[in-house]
Structure formats: structure tokens, C-alpha cells
PDB file of N, CA and C in Angstrom:
ATOM      1  N   UNK A   1     -40.226 -75.007   3.513  1.00  0.00           N
ATOM      2  CA  UNK A   1     -39.298 -74.672   2.451  1.00  0.00           C
ATOM      3  C   UNK A   1     -39.304 -75.831   1.452  1.00  0.00           C
ATOM      4  N   UNK A   2     -39.326 -75.477   0.182  1.00  0.00           N
ATOM      5  CA  UNK A   2     -39.317 -76.474  -0.890  1.00  0.00           C
ATOM      6  C   UNK A   2     -38.039 -76.330  -1.711  1.00  0.00           C
ATOM      7  N   UNK A   3     -37.541 -77.466  -2.191  1.00  0.00           N
ATOM      8  CA  UNK A   3     -36.332 -77.445  -3.007  1.00  0.00           C
ATOM      9  C   UNK A   3     -36.710 -77.677  -4.463  1.00  0.00           C
ATOM     10  N   UNK A   4     -36.141 -76.866  -5.334  1.00  0.00           N
ATOM     11  CA  UNK A   4     -36.300 -77.040  -6.774  1.00  0.00           C
ATOM     12  C   UNK A   4     -34.931 -77.326  -7.365  1.00  0.00           C
ATOM     13  N   UNK A   5     -34.815 -78.423  -8.084  1.00  0.00           N
ATOM     14  CA  UNK A   5     -33.537 -78.833  -8.678  1.00  0.00           C
ATOM     15  C   UNK A   5     -33.529 -78.446 -10.146  1.00  0.00           C
ATOM     16  N   UNK A   6     -32.508 -77.734 -10.601  1.00  0.00           N
ATOM     17  CA  UNK A   6     -32.351 -77.348 -12.000  1.00  0.00           C
ATOM     18  C   UNK A   6     -31.091 -77.983 -12.560  1.00  0.00           C
ATOM     19  N   UNK A   7     -31.215 -78.675 -13.682  1.00  0.00           N
ATOM     20  CA  UNK A   7     -30.071 -79.182 -14.430  1.00  0.00           C
ATOM     21  C   UNK A   7     -30.335 -78.821 -15.883  1.00  0.00           C
ATOM     22  N   UNK A   8     -29.503 -77.950 -16.440  1.00  0.00           N
ATOM     23  CA  UNK A   8     -29.712 -77.445 -17.791  1.00  0.00           C
ATOM     24  C   UNK A   8     -28.625 -77.945 -18.729  1.00  0.00           C
ATOM     25  N   UNK A   9     -29.052 -78.432 -19.897  1.00  0.00           N
ATOM     26  CA  UNK A   9     -28.145 -78.907 -20.942  1.00  0.00           C
ATOM     27  C   UNK A   9     -28.523 -78.218 -22.252  1.00  0.00           C
ATOM     28  N   UNK A  10     -27.550 -77.861 -23.065  1.00  0.00           N
ATOM     29  CA  UNK A  10     -27.836 -77.350 -24.405  1.00  0.00           C
ATOM     30  C   UNK A  10     -26.573 -77.343 -25.261  1.00  0.00           C
ATOM     31  N   UNK A  11     -26.738 -76.974 -26.518  1.00  0.00           N
ATOM     32  CA  UNK A  11     -25.599 -76.775 -27.415  1.00  0.00           C
ATOM     33  C   UNK A  11     -25.706 -75.381 -28.024  1.00  0.00           C
ATOM     34  N   UNK A  12     -26.191 -74.444 -27.230  1.00  0.00           N
ATOM     35  CA  UNK A  12     -26.396 -73.064 -27.665  1.00  0.00           C
ATOM     36  C   UNK A  12     -25.127 -72.481 -28.285  1.00  0.00           C
ATOM     37  N   UNK A  13     -25.270 -71.949 -29.483  1.00  0.00           N
ATOM     38  CA  UNK A  13     -24.135 -71.336 -30.166  1.00  0.00           C
ATOM     39  C   UNK A  13     -23.287 -72.326 -30.943  1.00  0.00           C
ATOM     40  N   UNK A  14     -23.612 -73.598 -30.857  1.00  0.00           N
ATOM     41  CA  UNK A  14     -22.829 -74.624 -31.560  1.00  0.00           C
ATOM     42  C   UNK A  14     -23.765 -75.644 -32.215  1.00  0.00           C
ATOM     43  N   UNK A  15     -24.535 -75.235 -33.217  1.00  0.00           N
ATOM     44  CA  UNK A  15     -25.455 -76.179 -33.856  1.00  0.00           C
ATOM     45  C   UNK A  15     -24.718 -77.408 -34.384  1.00  0.00           C
ATOM     46  N   UNK A  16     -25.298 -78.558 -34.189  1.00  0.00           N
ATOM     47  CA  UNK A  16     -24.696 -79.792 -34.663  1.00  0.00           C
ATOM     48  C   UNK A  16     -23.659 -80.377 -33.727  1.00  0.00           C
ATOM     49  N   UNK A  17     -23.305 -79.659 -32.691  1.00  0.00           N
ATOM     50  CA  UNK A  17     -22.340 -80.155 -31.700  1.00  0.00           C
ATOM     51  C   UNK A  17     -23.080 -80.899 -30.596  1.00  0.00           C
ATOM     52  N   UNK A  18     -22.382 -81.704 -29.802  1.00  0.00           N
ATOM     53  CA  UNK A  18     -23.036 -82.438 -28.708  1.00  0.00           C
ATOM     54  C   UNK A  18     -23.660 -81.497 -27.676  1.00  0.00           C
ATOM     55  N   UNK A  19     -24.724 -81.958 -27.060  1.00  0.00           N
ATOM     56  CA  UNK A  19     -25.374 -81.218 -25.980  1.00  0.00           C
ATOM     57  C   UNK A  19     -24.563 -81.467 -24.707  1.00  0.00           C
ATOM     58  N   UNK A  20     -24.242 -80.387 -23.995  1.00  0.00           N
ATOM     59  CA  UNK A  20     -23.431 -80.497 -22.778  1.00  0.00           C
ATOM     60  C   UNK A  20     -24.147 -79.838 -21.600  1.00  0.00           C
ATOM     61  N   UNK A  21     -23.780 -80.268 -20.400  1.00  0.00           N
ATOM     62  CA  UNK A  21     -24.359 -79.683 -19.192  1.00  0.00           C
ATOM     63  C   UNK A  21     -23.829 -78.267 -19.012  1.00  0.00           C
ATOM     64  N   UNK A  22     -24.740 -77.331 -18.751  1.00  0.00           N
ATOM     65  CA  UNK A  22     -24.370 -75.927 -18.554  1.00  0.00           C
ATOM     66  C   UNK A  22     -24.542 -75.464 -17.111  1.00  0.00           C
ATOM     67  N   UNK A  23     -25.519 -76.040 -16.410  1.00  0.00           N
ATOM     68  CA  UNK A  23     -25.833 -75.559 -15.070  1.00  0.00           C
ATOM     69  C   UNK A  23     -26.480 -76.668 -14.253  1.00  0.00           C
ATOM     70  N   UNK A  24     -26.113 -76.742 -12.974  1.00  0.00           N
ATOM     71  CA  UNK A  24     -26.772 -77.649 -12.028  1.00  0.00           C
ATOM     72  C   UNK A  24     -26.847 -76.925 -10.699  1.00  0.00           C
ATOM     73  N   UNK A  25     -28.077 -76.798 -10.168  1.00  0.00           N
ATOM     74  CA  UNK A  25     -28.241 -76.067  -8.911  1.00  0.00           C
ATOM     75  C   UNK A  25     -29.524 -76.484  -8.210  1.00  0.00           C
ATOM     76  N   UNK A  26     -29.571 -76.183  -6.913  1.00  0.00           N
ATOM     77  CA  UNK A  26     -30.776 -76.309  -6.101  1.00  0.00           C
ATOM     78  C   UNK A  26     -31.193 -74.905  -5.699  1.00  0.00           C
ATOM     79  N   UNK A  27     -32.491 -74.619  -5.839  1.00  0.00           N
ATOM     80  CA  UNK A  27     -33.051 -73.361  -5.359  1.00  0.00           C
ATOM     81  C   UNK A  27     -34.051 -73.708  -4.267  1.00  0.00           C
ATOM     82  N   UNK A  28     -33.988 -73.020  -3.180  1.00  0.00           N
ATOM     83  CA  UNK A  28     -34.909 -73.254  -2.078  1.00  0.00           C
ATOM     84  C   UNK A  28     -35.914 -72.112  -2.054  1.00  0.00           C
ATOM     85  N   UNK A  29     -37.177 -72.471  -1.996  1.00  0.00           N
ATOM     86  CA  UNK A  29     -38.268 -71.500  -2.042  1.00  0.00           C
ATOM     87  C   UNK A  29     -38.933 -71.516  -0.667  1.00  0.00           C
ATOM     88  N   UNK A  30     -39.046 -70.363  -0.035  1.00  0.00           N
ATOM     89  CA  UNK A  30     -39.612 -70.279   1.309  1.00  0.00           C
ATOM     90  C   UNK A  30     -40.961 -69.571   1.272  1.00  0.00           C
ATOM     91  N   UNK A  31     -41.950 -70.178   1.919  1.00  0.00           N
ATOM     92  CA  UNK A  31     -43.278 -69.569   1.960  1.00  0.00           C
ATOM     93  C   UNK A  31     -43.208 -68.177   2.585  1.00  0.00           C
ATOM     94  N   UNK A  32     -43.753 -67.214   1.883  1.00  0.00           N
ATOM     95  CA  UNK A  32     -43.762 -65.846   2.376  1.00  0.00           C
ATOM     96  C   UNK A  32     -42.470 -65.092   2.104  1.00  0.00           C
ATOM     97  N   UNK A  33     -41.450 -65.774   1.604  1.00  0.00           N
ATOM     98  CA  UNK A  33     -40.166 -65.129   1.324  1.00  0.00           C
ATOM     99  C   UNK A  33     -39.866 -65.094  -0.171  1.00  0.00           C
ATOM    100  N   UNK A  34     -40.417 -66.034  -0.929  1.00  0.00           N
ATOM    101  CA  UNK A  34     -40.274 -66.013  -2.371  1.00  0.00           C
ATOM    102  C   UNK A  34     -39.178 -66.926  -2.901  1.00  0.00           C
ATOM    103  N   UNK A  35     -38.930 -66.771  -4.209  1.00  0.00           N
ATOM    104  CA  UNK A  35     -37.925 -67.569  -4.908  1.00  0.00           C
ATOM    105  C   UNK A  35     -36.522 -67.209  -4.430  1.00  0.00           C
ATOM    106  N   UNK A  36     -35.613 -68.133  -4.643  1.00  0.00           N
ATOM    107  CA  UNK A  36     -34.190 -67.903  -4.375  1.00  0.00           C
ATOM    108  C   UNK A  36     -33.910 -67.535  -2.922  1.00  0.00           C
ATOM    109  N   UNK A  37     -34.665 -68.124  -2.000  1.00  0.00           N
ATOM    110  CA  UNK A  37     -34.382 -67.946  -0.574  1.00  0.00           C
ATOM    111  C   UNK A  37     -32.963 -68.434  -0.286  1.00  0.00           C
ATOM    112  N   UNK A  38     -32.605 -69.520  -0.933  1.00  0.00           N
ATOM    113  CA  UNK A  38     -31.260 -70.085  -0.806  1.00  0.00           C
ATOM    114  C   UNK A  38     -30.928 -70.750  -2.141  1.00  0.00           C
ATOM    115  N   UNK A  39     -29.701 -70.584  -2.619  1.00  0.00           N
ATOM    116  CA  UNK A  39     -29.254 -71.207  -3.866  1.00  0.00           C
ATOM    117  C   UNK A  39     -27.944 -71.936  -3.602  1.00  0.00           C
ATOM    118  N   UNK A  40     -27.855 -73.175  -4.093  1.00  0.00           N
ATOM    119  CA  UNK A  40     -26.604 -73.914  -4.042  1.00  0.00           C
ATOM    120  C   UNK A  40     -26.336 -74.412  -5.452  1.00  0.00           C
ATOM    121  N   UNK A  41     -25.348 -73.810  -6.087  1.00  0.00           N
ATOM    122  CA  UNK A  41     -24.967 -74.200  -7.447  1.00  0.00           C
ATOM    123  C   UNK A  41     -23.816 -75.187  -7.365  1.00  0.00           C
ATOM    124  N   UNK A  42     -23.908 -76.267  -8.157  1.00  0.00           N
ATOM    125  CA  UNK A  42     -22.892 -77.314  -8.156  1.00  0.00           C
ATOM    126  C   UNK A  42     -22.012 -77.277  -9.401  1.00  0.00           C
ATOM    127  N   UNK A  43     -22.582 -76.838 -10.518  1.00  0.00           N
ATOM    128  CA  UNK A  43     -21.873 -76.864 -11.795  1.00  0.00           C
ATOM    129  C   UNK A  43     -22.262 -75.642 -12.597  1.00  0.00           C
ATOM    130  N   UNK A  44     -21.409 -74.942 -13.276  1.00  0.00           N
ATOM    131  CA  UNK A  44     -20.031 -75.269 -13.606  1.00  0.00           C
ATOM    132  C   UNK A  44     -19.034 -74.940 -12.493  1.00  0.00           C
ATOM    133  N   UNK A  45     -19.461 -74.145 -11.526  1.00  0.00           N
ATOM    134  CA  UNK A  45     -18.580 -73.774 -10.422  1.00  0.00           C
ATOM    135  C   UNK A  45     -19.429 -73.761  -9.159  1.00  0.00           C
ATOM    136  N   UNK A  46     -18.935 -74.350  -8.082  1.00  0.00           N
ATOM    137  CA  UNK A  46     -19.714 -74.368  -6.849  1.00  0.00           C
ATOM    138  C   UNK A  46     -19.858 -72.963  -6.300  1.00  0.00           C
ATOM    139  N   UNK A  47     -21.096 -72.652  -5.887  1.00  0.00           N
ATOM    140  CA  UNK A  47     -21.414 -71.311  -5.435  1.00  0.00           C
ATOM    141  C   UNK A  47     -22.651 -71.393  -4.556  1.00  0.00           C
ATOM    142  N   UNK A  48     -22.706 -70.585  -3.496  1.00  0.00           N
ATOM    143  CA  UNK A  48     -23.855 -70.588  -2.582  1.00  0.00           C
ATOM    144  C   UNK A  48     -24.289 -69.167  -2.277  1.00  0.00           C
ATOM    145  N   UNK A  49     -25.579 -69.029  -2.025  1.00  0.00           N
ATOM    146  CA  UNK A  49     -26.124 -67.737  -1.636  1.00  0.00           C
ATOM    147  C   UNK A  49     -27.319 -67.962  -0.724  1.00  0.00           C
ATOM    148  N   UNK A  50     -27.455 -67.124   0.290  1.00  0.00           N
ATOM    149  CA  UNK A  50     -28.610 -67.179   1.176  1.00  0.00           C
ATOM    150  C   UNK A  50     -29.160 -65.778   1.358  1.00  0.00           C
ATOM    151  N   UNK A  51     -30.486 -65.682   1.389  1.00  0.00           N
ATOM    152  CA  UNK A  51     -31.138 -64.376   1.557  1.00  0.00           C
ATOM    153  C   UNK A  51     -30.792 -63.797   2.932  1.00  0.00           C
ATOM    154  N   UNK A  52     -30.589 -62.501   2.957  1.00  0.00           N
ATOM    155  CA  UNK A  52     -30.255 -61.828   4.224  1.00  0.00           C
ATOM    156  C   UNK A  52     -31.288 -60.788   4.629  1.00  0.00           C
ATOM    157  N   UNK A  53     -32.029 -60.272   3.670  1.00  0.00           N
ATOM    158  CA  UNK A  53     -33.056 -59.291   4.004  1.00  0.00           C
ATOM    159  C   UNK A  53     -34.233 -59.431   3.041  1.00  0.00           C
ATOM    160  N   UNK A  54     -35.387 -58.948   3.452  1.00  0.00           N
ATOM    161  CA  UNK A  54     -36.606 -59.057   2.680  1.00  0.00           C
ATOM    162  C   UNK A  54     -37.323 -57.714   2.698  1.00  0.00           C
ATOM    163  N   UNK A  55     -38.190 -57.487   1.748  1.00  0.00           N
ATOM    164  CA  UNK A  55     -38.941 -56.250   1.687  1.00  0.00           C
ATOM    165  C   UNK A  55     -40.297 -56.547   1.066  1.00  0.00           C
ATOM    166  N   UNK A  56     -41.210 -55.619   1.217  1.00  0.00           N
ATOM    167  CA  UNK A  56     -42.521 -55.733   0.592  1.00  0.00           C
ATOM    168  C   UNK A  56     -42.636 -54.649  -0.471  1.00  0.00           C
ATOM    169  N   UNK A  57     -43.459 -54.903  -1.469  1.00  0.00           N
ATOM    170  CA  UNK A  57     -43.616 -53.943  -2.569  1.00  0.00           C
ATOM    171  C   UNK A  57     -44.620 -52.904  -2.201  1.00  0.00           C
TER     172      UNK A  57
END
């Protein structure tokens, strides 16, 4: 399992205003299971999710 850290900052919708943090999270990627196997969001609100079922196309 690999961890991908995302921290996003922007001033979307407010040109000329300071850039602020919008999102901070870790996404865990599992071989054979795909993206978003597990997500832990820290900002703006703490939130967690873990995969419970999988399917093939």
C-alpha cells in the first residue's frame, strides 16, 4: 500500500486575495484495489473512509 499526500491551496473565486489552504488529506492506494482504498482528510474537516467492497469491470 502506498500513501499519497494532497495539500491544496488556492484563491479560487477571489482574484487578488491571499491564497489559503483548501484541502489536506492522505489517500492510500492498494495494489490490485485501486485509488482511494483508504482516505484520511485532515482539513477543512476531519473525515475518514475505507473501502468495503470491490468489483471488476
